[in-house]
Structure formats: C-alpha cells, structure tokens
Protein backbone atom coordinates (compact mmCIF):
# COMPACT_ATOMS: atom_id res chain seq x y z
CA UNK A 1 4.48 -5.76 -12.90
CA UNK A 2 3.93 -9.37 -12.02
CA UNK A 3 5.58 -11.23 -9.15
CA UNK A 4 5.49 -14.75 -7.83
CA UNK A 5 2.78 -15.69 -5.35
CA UNK A 6 3.98 -15.96 -1.79
CA UNK A 7 2.37 -17.68 1.20
CA UNK A 8 2.69 -15.86 4.51
CA UNK A 9 1.96 -16.96 8.07
CA UNK A 10 -0.29 -14.75 10.17
CA UNK A 11 0.23 -14.08 13.87
CA UNK A 12 -2.95 -16.08 14.50
CA UNK A 13 -1.24 -19.12 12.97
CA UNK A 14 -3.34 -19.00 9.81
CA UNK A 15 -1.96 -18.43 6.35
CA UNK A 16 -2.55 -15.89 3.62
CA UNK A 17 -1.41 -15.45 0.04
CA UNK A 18 0.34 -12.42 -1.45
CA UNK A 19 -0.36 -12.22 -5.17
CA UNK A 20 -1.04 -9.94 -8.09
CA UNK A 21 -4.73 -9.22 -8.70
CA UNK A 22 -6.53 -10.48 -11.80
CA UNK A 23 -9.67 -9.20 -13.51
CA UNK A 24 -11.70 -11.66 -11.43
CA UNK A 25 -10.64 -9.66 -8.33
CA UNK A 26 -12.14 -6.39 -9.62
CA UNK A 27 -15.36 -6.57 -7.59
CA UNK A 28 -13.47 -7.70 -4.49
CA UNK A 29 -11.09 -4.76 -4.85
CA UNK A 30 -14.00 -2.32 -5.17
CA UNK A 31 -15.57 -3.82 -2.04
CA UNK A 32 -12.19 -3.62 -0.27
CA UNK A 33 -11.87 0.09 -1.15
CA UNK A 34 -15.31 0.84 0.32
CA UNK A 35 -14.68 -1.24 3.43
CA UNK A 36 -11.27 0.22 4.26
CA UNK A 37 -12.45 3.76 3.52
CA UNK A 38 -15.20 3.29 6.12
CA UNK A 39 -12.97 1.81 8.80
CA UNK A 40 -10.50 4.65 9.27
CA UNK A 41 -10.04 8.35 8.65
CA UNK A 42 -6.46 7.71 7.55
CA UNK A 43 -7.20 6.95 3.89
CA UNK A 44 -7.74 9.39 1.03
CA UNK A 45 -11.48 8.88 0.59
CA UNK A 46 -14.79 8.18 2.23
CA UNK A 47 -16.77 5.06 1.22
CA UNK A 48 -19.35 7.01 -0.80
CA UNK A 49 -16.56 8.51 -2.91
CA UNK A 50 -15.49 5.05 -4.06
CA UNK A 51 -18.77 4.55 -5.95
CA UNK A 52 -18.22 7.76 -7.90
CA UNK A 53 -14.56 7.13 -8.69
CA UNK A 54 -14.43 3.47 -9.64
CA UNK A 55 -16.47 1.11 -11.78
CA UNK A 56 -16.08 -2.63 -12.31
CA UNK A 57 -14.80 -2.13 -15.84
CA UNK A 58 -12.55 0.72 -14.74
CA UNK A 59 -11.04 -1.46 -12.01
CA UNK A 60 -10.30 -4.19 -14.56
CA UNK A 61 -8.51 -1.62 -16.73
CA UNK A 62 -6.43 -0.50 -13.71
CA UNK A 63 -5.54 -4.11 -12.82
CA UNK A 64 -4.42 -4.89 -16.37
CA UNK A 65 -2.47 -1.63 -16.69
CA UNK A 66 -0.58 -2.21 -13.45
CA UNK A 67 0.05 -5.92 -14.15
CA UNK A 68 1.53 -5.10 -17.56
CA UNK A 69 3.60 -2.16 -16.29
CA UNK A 70 7.33 -2.33 -15.66
CA UNK A 71 7.09 0.49 -13.10
CA UNK A 72 4.01 -0.29 -11.03
CA UNK A 73 3.06 -3.22 -8.83
CA UNK A 74 -0.12 -4.09 -6.97
CA UNK A 75 -0.17 -6.96 -4.49
CA UNK A 76 -3.20 -8.15 -2.64
CA UNK A 77 -3.25 -10.31 0.43
CA UNK A 78 -5.90 -13.00 0.26
CA UNK A 79 -6.93 -14.52 3.59
CA UNK A 80 -9.94 -16.69 4.25
CA UNK A 81 -11.06 -16.31 0.64
CA UNK A 82 -11.25 -12.53 0.83
CA UNK A 83 -9.02 -9.54 0.23
CA UNK A 84 -7.39 -8.67 3.54
CA UNK A 85 -5.03 -5.99 2.28
CA UNK A 86 -3.63 -4.30 -0.79
CA UNK A 87 -0.33 -2.57 -1.38
CA UNK A 88 1.18 -0.69 -4.28
CA UNK A 89 4.71 0.08 -5.36
CA UNK A 90 5.58 2.57 -8.07
CA UNK A 91 8.93 3.49 -9.54
CA UNK A 92 9.58 7.00 -10.79
CA UNK A 93 10.79 7.06 -14.39
CA UNK A 94 12.04 10.61 -14.84
CA UNK A 95 15.82 11.00 -14.87
CA UNK A 96 15.93 13.27 -11.80
CA UNK A 97 13.60 11.12 -9.67
CA UNK A 98 14.02 7.54 -10.86
CA UNK A 99 16.06 6.81 -7.74
CA UNK A 100 12.79 6.95 -5.74
CA UNK A 101 10.15 4.25 -5.26
CA UNK A 102 6.79 4.97 -3.60
CA UNK A 103 4.68 2.68 -1.43
CA UNK A 104 1.01 2.72 -0.39
CA UNK A 105 -0.81 0.14 1.75
CA UNK A 106 -4.08 -0.54 3.55
CA UNK A 107 -5.38 -3.56 5.47
CA UNK A 108 -8.99 -4.45 6.30
CA UNK A 109 -9.60 -3.80 10.02
CA UNK A 110 -10.51 -7.39 10.93
CA UNK A 111 -6.99 -8.37 9.78
CA UNK A 112 -5.14 -5.67 11.72
CA UNK A 113 -2.45 -6.94 14.08
CA UNK A 114 -1.97 -10.17 12.10
CA UNK A 115 1.37 -9.16 10.54
CA UNK A 116 -0.10 -8.66 7.07
CA UNK A 117 0.93 -5.03 6.74
CA UNK A 118 4.51 -5.64 7.80
CA UNK A 119 4.90 -8.66 5.53
CA UNK A 120 3.46 -6.75 2.56
CA UNK A 121 5.79 -3.84 3.32
CA UNK A 122 8.80 -6.15 3.52
CA UNK A 123 7.86 -7.65 0.15
CA UNK A 124 7.61 -4.21 -1.46
CA UNK A 125 10.88 -3.07 0.10
CA UNK A 126 12.62 -6.19 -1.21
CA UNK A 127 11.28 -5.60 -4.72
CA UNK A 128 12.24 -1.91 -4.62
CA UNK A 129 15.74 -2.76 -3.43
CA UNK A 130 16.19 -5.20 -6.31
CA UNK A 131 16.29 -2.26 -8.72
CA UNK A 132 19.81 -0.93 -8.89
CA UNK A 133 18.78 2.67 -9.59
CA UNK A 134 16.47 2.90 -6.55
CA UNK A 135 18.15 4.63 -3.62
CA UNK A 136 15.14 5.72 -1.55
CA UNK A 137 11.63 4.47 -0.76
CA UNK A 138 8.93 6.97 0.23
CA UNK A 139 5.42 6.91 1.67
CA UNK A 140 2.92 9.11 3.53
CA UNK A 141 0.72 8.69 6.59
CA UNK A 142 -1.92 10.81 8.26
CA UNK A 143 -1.63 12.40 11.70
CA UNK A 144 -2.97 10.10 14.40
CA UNK A 145 -2.19 6.85 12.58
CA UNK A 146 0.15 5.72 15.34
CA UNK A 147 0.10 2.02 14.40
CA UNK A 148 1.19 2.70 10.82
CA UNK A 149 3.85 5.17 11.93
CA UNK A 150 5.31 2.66 14.39
CA UNK A 151 5.41 -0.05 11.73
CA UNK A 152 7.05 2.25 9.18
CA UNK A 153 9.64 3.40 11.71
CA UNK A 154 10.40 -0.22 12.63
CA UNK A 155 11.20 -0.77 8.94
CA UNK A 156 13.64 2.15 8.83
CA UNK A 157 11.41 4.96 7.55
CA UNK A 158 11.86 8.42 9.04
CA UNK A 159 9.70 11.52 8.80
CA UNK A 160 11.08 13.95 6.24
CA UNK A 161 8.39 16.64 6.15
CA UNK A 162 4.87 17.58 7.11
CA UNK A 163 2.02 18.95 5.00
CA UNK A 164 -0.05 20.95 7.49
CA UNK A 165 -3.82 20.54 7.32
CA UNK A 166 -3.57 18.22 4.31
CA UNK A 167 -6.78 16.35 5.24
CA UNK A 168 -10.10 17.80 6.31
CA UNK A 169 -12.60 15.36 7.80
CA UNK A 170 -16.37 15.73 7.49
CA UNK A 171 -16.56 17.19 11.00
CA UNK A 172 -14.06 19.89 10.01
CA UNK A 173 -11.07 18.37 11.79
CA UNK A 174 -7.83 19.16 9.99
CA UNK A 175 -5.06 16.57 9.99
CA UNK A 176 -1.45 16.82 8.89
CA UNK A 177 0.10 14.44 6.39
CA UNK A 178 3.63 13.22 7.06
CA UNK A 179 6.07 12.14 4.37
CA UNK A 180 8.54 9.41 5.27
CA UNK A 181 11.61 8.08 3.49
CA UNK A 182 13.87 5.09 3.91
CA UNK A 183 17.24 4.68 2.24
CA UNK A 184 17.71 1.47 0.27
CA UNK A 185 19.89 -1.00 2.10
CA UNK A 186 21.65 -3.42 -0.18
CA UNK A 187 23.33 -6.52 1.15
CA UNK A 188 27.06 -6.70 0.49
CA UNK A 189 28.21 -9.77 -1.41
C-alpha cells in the first residue's frame, strides 16, 4: 500500500520524512534491522539472525510486495539521510477478523525520544481508522519495554492478554509478551 510522503518535526527541532520504502532502501533496511536488533532485547531477533533471514534481493521482494498490497503498509522515517524508524500496518482479510488491523514499530536508539515513534503510530492509526470495516487496532510489546508501553497507552491502547515466557534471551531470562488493543475512534460528522 502506498501513501503520500509526510514531513514531521522532531522534538529536537529537526525534520524527518515519513515515506514508503523503495528498492533503493533495501540495504538501508537490512542495516536498520541489524542495528535495532542489537540495541534492545525487545525485538524478535538478535542481529546475527538478520543475516540468515534476509538478503538484499529478498528485501527488495518484500518491499515490492508490501508496496503493491492493498492490505499491508510499510513506512520508514528518514532523518539525516538515514533510516531512523520503520513501522508496519496490516489489515486482516478473513471475514471473521477483517475488523482488526495490526501494527509493529521500531526506532533506532539514537532517535529515541524525538517523537518519531508517536508520529509514526499516529499515522498508522489514522490510516487504519480510514477503513470502514476496521474496528480495532492491535499490537504486542515485551515485558520491560516501559517506554513503548507508556506511548501505546497514551494513544489509547490497553493490555488485553499476556503470553507468559514468550521470549527467552541468550542469558536464559524469560520475558512475557503483552497484547494490546485500541478501539477505532471515528470522528462524527
């Protein structure tokens, strides 16, 4: 799914651009995956797993598939000539679950606390709410990710369930995964 580019203002006073990725972003996205995976334990993979899962050509295929999809969206935030964050939105298509949209997001650590995550989330929420059939938006976060939880709660998400011991870190630490949901809020005309 393609959207219009959007300039955003960072808390530092700088600007960034929200846009769909293109094939020319494939290497930058692979680098972004490795970087973010190494900066926090709150993502699905470790940096070394990125090399085994994704190739440059494979990333280009993913970009083109998502950009041409009616039910998936990827936005990247470009700041200072580099990828500062990426977010995804997917719409369920099955009859029983097409009222649900799902969100995922990650921001490079050096851009934390600049408002990028919240502005990307607001963009995804707005797009999800533009679909008449969507009634609920869902996401997950990992135990201990207090910053993300606070941001999600400030946007109206509430914890709906917990998956105990869903993540196991290299040192053996087990972490819960929390599911959150937010009802769609449509403006009355």
